[in-house]
Amino acid sequence: MVHNHPSGDPTPSQADIQMTKSIVGIAAPLGISVHDHIIVGKNGHASLKGMKLM
C-alpha cells in the first residue's frame, strides 16, 4: 500500500497504523498479503514495515 501526506511529513499517524492493521487483518483470510505500507512526504518516505509497525 502507498499514500502521500499533503503536509509533507511522512511520519505515520495513529490512523495510518490502525488502518494498516485493519486492512492486513481483513486481507489475510482472503489470501492477500500486504507486504508494506509506504507513506510519501515532501522530503522522503516512511515504511511501516521498516518501522516495525506492521
PDB file of N, CA and C in Angstrom:
ATOM      1  N   MET A   1       0.853  -1.162   0.000  1.00  0.00           N
ATOM      2  CA  MET A   1       0.000   0.000   0.000  1.00  0.00           C
ATOM      3  C   MET A   1       0.901   1.227   0.000  1.00  0.00           C
ATOM      4  N   VAL A   2       0.373   2.302  -0.541  1.00  0.00           N
ATOM      5  CA  VAL A   2       1.124   3.556  -0.556  1.00  0.00           C
ATOM      6  C   VAL A   2       0.140   4.718  -0.576  1.00  0.00           C
ATOM      7  N   HIS A   3       0.514   5.778   0.113  1.00  0.00           N
ATOM      8  CA  HIS A   3      -0.247   7.024   0.027  1.00  0.00           C
ATOM      9  C   HIS A   3       0.686   8.174   0.380  1.00  0.00           C
ATOM     10  N   ASN A   4       0.216   9.383   0.151  1.00  0.00           N
ATOM     11  CA  ASN A   4       1.040  10.545   0.467  1.00  0.00           C
ATOM     12  C   ASN A   4       0.425  11.330   1.616  1.00  0.00           C
ATOM     13  N   HIS A   5       1.247  12.133   2.243  1.00  0.00           N
ATOM     14  CA  HIS A   5       0.789  13.083   3.249  1.00  0.00           C
ATOM     15  C   HIS A   5       0.976  14.479   2.659  1.00  0.00           C
ATOM     16  N   PRO A   6      -0.105  15.170   2.350  1.00  0.00           N
ATOM     17  CA  PRO A   6      -0.001  16.509   1.762  1.00  0.00           C
ATOM     18  C   PRO A   6       0.774  17.496   2.645  1.00  0.00           C
ATOM     19  N   SER A   7       0.838  17.231   3.946  1.00  0.00           N
ATOM     20  CA  SER A   7       1.595  18.107   4.843  1.00  0.00           C
ATOM     21  C   SER A   7       3.088  18.049   4.542  1.00  0.00           C
ATOM     22  N   GLY A   8       3.524  16.972   3.866  1.00  0.00           N
ATOM     23  CA  GLY A   8       4.942  16.794   3.554  1.00  0.00           C
ATOM     24  C   GLY A   8       5.677  15.931   4.551  1.00  0.00           C
ATOM     25  N   ASP A   9       5.105  15.714   5.727  1.00  0.00           N
ATOM     26  CA  ASP A   9       5.730  14.899   6.773  1.00  0.00           C
ATOM     27  C   ASP A   9       5.282  13.451   6.599  1.00  0.00           C
ATOM     28  N   PRO A  10       6.198  12.541   6.285  1.00  0.00           N
ATOM     29  CA  PRO A  10       5.802  11.152   6.045  1.00  0.00           C
ATOM     30  C   PRO A  10       5.594  10.314   7.313  1.00  0.00           C
ATOM     31  N   THR A  11       5.698  10.910   8.481  1.00  0.00           N
ATOM     32  CA  THR A  11       5.531  10.161   9.723  1.00  0.00           C
ATOM     33  C   THR A  11       4.131   9.556   9.798  1.00  0.00           C
ATOM     34  N   PRO A  12       4.026   8.243  10.039  1.00  0.00           N
ATOM     35  CA  PRO A  12       2.708   7.612  10.104  1.00  0.00           C
ATOM     36  C   PRO A  12       1.891   8.129  11.291  1.00  0.00           C
ATOM     37  N   SER A  13       0.635   8.421  11.043  1.00  0.00           N
ATOM     38  CA  SER A  13      -0.271   8.822  12.121  1.00  0.00           C
ATOM     39  C   SER A  13      -0.841   7.558  12.765  1.00  0.00           C
ATOM     40  N   GLN A  14      -1.472   7.727  13.915  1.00  0.00           N
ATOM     41  CA  GLN A  14      -2.129   6.590  14.556  1.00  0.00           C
ATOM     42  C   GLN A  14      -3.213   6.029  13.643  1.00  0.00           C
ATOM     43  N   ALA A  15      -3.892   6.904  12.909  1.00  0.00           N
ATOM     44  CA  ALA A  15      -4.927   6.448  11.968  1.00  0.00           C
ATOM     45  C   ALA A  15      -4.306   5.599  10.859  1.00  0.00           C
ATOM     46  N   ASP A  16      -3.125   5.988  10.363  1.00  0.00           N
ATOM     47  CA  ASP A  16      -2.424   5.197   9.338  1.00  0.00           C
ATOM     48  C   ASP A  16      -2.105   3.804   9.868  1.00  0.00           C
ATOM     49  N   ILE A  17      -1.606   3.744  11.095  1.00  0.00           N
ATOM     50  CA  ILE A  17      -1.210   2.473  11.698  1.00  0.00           C
ATOM     51  C   ILE A  17      -2.431   1.578  11.910  1.00  0.00           C
ATOM     52  N   GLN A  18      -3.499   2.143  12.461  1.00  0.00           N
ATOM     53  CA  GLN A  18      -4.713   1.358  12.716  1.00  0.00           C
ATOM     54  C   GLN A  18      -5.344   0.885  11.410  1.00  0.00           C
ATOM     55  N   MET A  19      -5.395   1.755  10.395  1.00  0.00           N
ATOM     56  CA  MET A  19      -5.972   1.379   9.109  1.00  0.00           C
ATOM     57  C   MET A  19      -5.169   0.235   8.498  1.00  0.00           C
ATOM     58  N   THR A  20      -3.850   0.311   8.580  1.00  0.00           N
ATOM     59  CA  THR A  20      -2.992  -0.737   8.027  1.00  0.00           C
ATOM     60  C   THR A  20      -3.268  -2.069   8.718  1.00  0.00           C
ATOM     61  N   LYS A  21      -3.340  -2.056  10.046  1.00  0.00           N
ATOM     62  CA  LYS A  21      -3.615  -3.285  10.787  1.00  0.00           C
ATOM     63  C   LYS A  21      -4.979  -3.852  10.405  1.00  0.00           C
ATOM     64  N   SER A  22      -5.958  -2.991  10.217  1.00  0.00           N
ATOM     65  CA  SER A  22      -7.300  -3.452   9.821  1.00  0.00           C
ATOM     66  C   SER A  22      -7.276  -4.096   8.444  1.00  0.00           C
ATOM     67  N   ILE A  23      -6.607  -3.446   7.500  1.00  0.00           N
ATOM     68  CA  ILE A  23      -6.543  -3.978   6.138  1.00  0.00           C
ATOM     69  C   ILE A  23      -5.786  -5.304   6.111  1.00  0.00           C
ATOM     70  N   VAL A  24      -4.683  -5.392   6.834  1.00  0.00           N
ATOM     71  CA  VAL A  24      -3.925  -6.651   6.903  1.00  0.00           C
ATOM     72  C   VAL A  24      -4.810  -7.758   7.468  1.00  0.00           C
ATOM     73  N   GLY A  25      -5.564  -7.443   8.521  1.00  0.00           N
ATOM     74  CA  GLY A  25      -6.437  -8.441   9.139  1.00  0.00           C
ATOM     75  C   GLY A  25      -7.569  -8.889   8.233  1.00  0.00           C
ATOM     76  N   ILE A  26      -8.103  -7.973   7.449  1.00  0.00           N
ATOM     77  CA  ILE A  26      -9.185  -8.307   6.521  1.00  0.00           C
ATOM     78  C   ILE A  26      -8.656  -9.067   5.308  1.00  0.00           C
ATOM     79  N   ALA A  27      -7.464  -8.696   4.843  1.00  0.00           N
ATOM     80  CA  ALA A  27      -6.901  -9.293   3.632  1.00  0.00           C
ATOM     81  C   ALA A  27      -6.393 -10.720   3.850  1.00  0.00           C
ATOM     82  N   ALA A  28      -5.864 -10.998   5.029  1.00  0.00           N
ATOM     83  CA  ALA A  28      -5.246 -12.314   5.292  1.00  0.00           C
ATOM     84  C   ALA A  28      -6.176 -13.496   5.013  1.00  0.00           C
ATOM     85  N   PRO A  29      -7.428 -13.503   5.508  1.00  0.00           N
ATOM     86  CA  PRO A  29      -8.293 -14.659   5.229  1.00  0.00           C
ATOM     87  C   PRO A  29      -8.639 -14.817   3.749  1.00  0.00           C
ATOM     88  N   LEU A  30      -8.443 -13.751   2.993  1.00  0.00           N
ATOM     89  CA  LEU A  30      -8.710 -13.806   1.556  1.00  0.00           C
ATOM     90  C   LEU A  30      -7.482 -14.251   0.760  1.00  0.00           C
ATOM     91  N   GLY A  31      -6.386 -14.529   1.474  1.00  0.00           N
ATOM     92  CA  GLY A  31      -5.158 -14.958   0.813  1.00  0.00           C
ATOM     93  C   GLY A  31      -4.352 -13.808   0.233  1.00  0.00           C
ATOM     94  N   ILE A  32      -4.638 -12.584   0.676  1.00  0.00           N
ATOM     95  CA  ILE A  32      -3.934 -11.402   0.172  1.00  0.00           C
ATOM     96  C   ILE A  32      -2.907 -10.976   1.211  1.00  0.00           C
ATOM     97  N   SER A  33      -1.650 -10.849   0.783  1.00  0.00           N
ATOM     98  CA  SER A  33      -0.580 -10.396   1.672  1.00  0.00           C
ATOM     99  C   SER A  33      -0.307  -8.927   1.433  1.00  0.00           C
ATOM    100  N   VAL A  34      -0.221  -8.181   2.513  1.00  0.00           N
ATOM    101  CA  VAL A  34       0.193  -6.774   2.431  1.00  0.00           C
ATOM    102  C   VAL A  34       1.663  -6.764   2.837  1.00  0.00           C
ATOM    103  N   HIS A  35       2.522  -6.436   1.903  1.00  0.00           N
ATOM    104  CA  HIS A  35       3.965  -6.517   2.159  1.00  0.00           C
ATOM    105  C   HIS A  35       4.506  -5.295   2.878  1.00  0.00           C
ATOM    106  N   ASP A  36       3.909  -4.125   2.649  1.00  0.00           N
ATOM    107  CA  ASP A  36       4.391  -2.897   3.276  1.00  0.00           C
ATOM    108  C   ASP A  36       3.348  -1.815   3.073  1.00  0.00           C
ATOM    109  N   HIS A  37       3.494  -0.744   3.803  1.00  0.00           N
ATOM    110  CA  HIS A  37       2.689   0.462   3.625  1.00  0.00           C
ATOM    111  C   HIS A  37       3.668   1.621   3.635  1.00  0.00           C
ATOM    112  N   ILE A  38       3.805   2.266   2.492  1.00  0.00           N
ATOM    113  CA  ILE A  38       4.746   3.367   2.315  1.00  0.00           C
ATOM    114  C   ILE A  38       3.978   4.678   2.353  1.00  0.00           C
ATOM    115  N   ILE A  39       4.487   5.628   3.124  1.00  0.00           N
ATOM    116  CA  ILE A  39       3.916   6.973   3.157  1.00  0.00           C
ATOM    117  C   ILE A  39       4.956   7.912   2.565  1.00  0.00           C
ATOM    118  N   VAL A  40       4.530   8.664   1.556  1.00  0.00           N
ATOM    119  CA  VAL A  40       5.425   9.570   0.845  1.00  0.00           C
ATOM    120  C   VAL A  40       5.188  10.994   1.326  1.00  0.00           C
ATOM    121  N   GLY A  41       6.280  11.693   1.607  1.00  0.00           N
ATOM    122  CA  GLY A  41       6.222  13.099   2.009  1.00  0.00           C
ATOM    123  C   GLY A  41       7.091  13.928   1.104  1.00  0.00           C
ATOM    124  N   LYS A  42       7.149  15.205   1.390  1.00  0.00           N
ATOM    125  CA  LYS A  42       7.910  16.132   0.548  1.00  0.00           C
ATOM    126  C   LYS A  42       9.403  15.789   0.505  1.00  0.00           C
ATOM    127  N   ASN A  43       9.957  15.424   1.641  1.00  0.00           N
ATOM    128  CA  ASN A  43      11.407  15.196   1.715  1.00  0.00           C
ATOM    129  C   ASN A  43      11.784  13.755   2.015  1.00  0.00           C
ATOM    130  N   GLY A  44      10.916  12.818   1.666  1.00  0.00           N
ATOM    131  CA  GLY A  44      11.267  11.425   1.919  1.00  0.00           C
ATOM    132  C   GLY A  44      10.040  10.550   2.044  1.00  0.00           C
ATOM    133  N   HIS A  45      10.247   9.389   2.633  1.00  0.00           N
ATOM    134  CA  HIS A  45       9.161   8.426   2.785  1.00  0.00           C
ATOM    135  C   HIS A  45       9.338   7.667   4.095  1.00  0.00           C
ATOM    136  N   ALA A  46       8.274   6.971   4.492  1.00  0.00           N
ATOM    137  CA  ALA A  46       8.314   6.121   5.677  1.00  0.00           C
ATOM    138  C   ALA A  46       7.730   4.765   5.298  1.00  0.00           C
ATOM    139  N   SER A  47       8.335   3.719   5.802  1.00  0.00           N
ATOM    140  CA  SER A  47       7.880   2.352   5.579  1.00  0.00           C
ATOM    141  C   SER A  47       7.380   1.811   6.916  1.00  0.00           C
ATOM    142  N   LEU A  48       6.085   1.485   6.986  1.00  0.00           N
ATOM    143  CA  LEU A  48       5.567   0.930   8.235  1.00  0.00           C
ATOM    144  C   LEU A  48       6.234  -0.394   8.561  1.00  0.00           C
ATOM    145  N   LYS A  49       6.548  -1.195   7.537  1.00  0.00           N
ATOM    146  CA  LYS A  49       7.241  -2.451   7.788  1.00  0.00           C
ATOM    147  C   LYS A  49       8.645  -2.173   8.329  1.00  0.00           C
ATOM    148  N   GLY A  50       9.343  -1.228   7.704  1.00  0.00           N
ATOM    149  CA  GLY A  50      10.690  -0.872   8.147  1.00  0.00           C
ATOM    150  C   GLY A  50      10.715  -0.305   9.560  1.00  0.00           C
ATOM    151  N   MET A  51       9.612   0.336   9.952  1.00  0.00           N
ATOM    152  CA  MET A  51       9.499   0.912  11.292  1.00  0.00           C
ATOM    153  C   MET A  51       8.927  -0.095  12.295  1.00  0.00           C
ATOM    154  N   LYS A  52       8.714  -1.339  11.818  1.00  0.00           N
ATOM    155  CA  LYS A  52       8.162  -2.435  12.635  1.00  0.00           C
ATOM    156  C   LYS A  52       6.796  -2.070  13.207  1.00  0.00           C
ATOM    157  N   LEU A  53       5.984  -1.389  12.397  1.00  0.00           N
ATOM    158  CA  LEU A  53       4.632  -1.017  12.813  1.00  0.00           C
ATOM    159  C   LEU A  53       3.587  -1.927  12.184  1.00  0.00           C
ATOM    160  N   MET A  54       4.057  -2.947  11.468  1.00  0.00           N
ATOM    161  CA  MET A  54       3.133  -3.937  10.902  1.00  0.00           C
ATOM    162  C   MET A  54       3.794  -5.288  10.833  1.00  0.00           C
TER     163      MET A  54
END
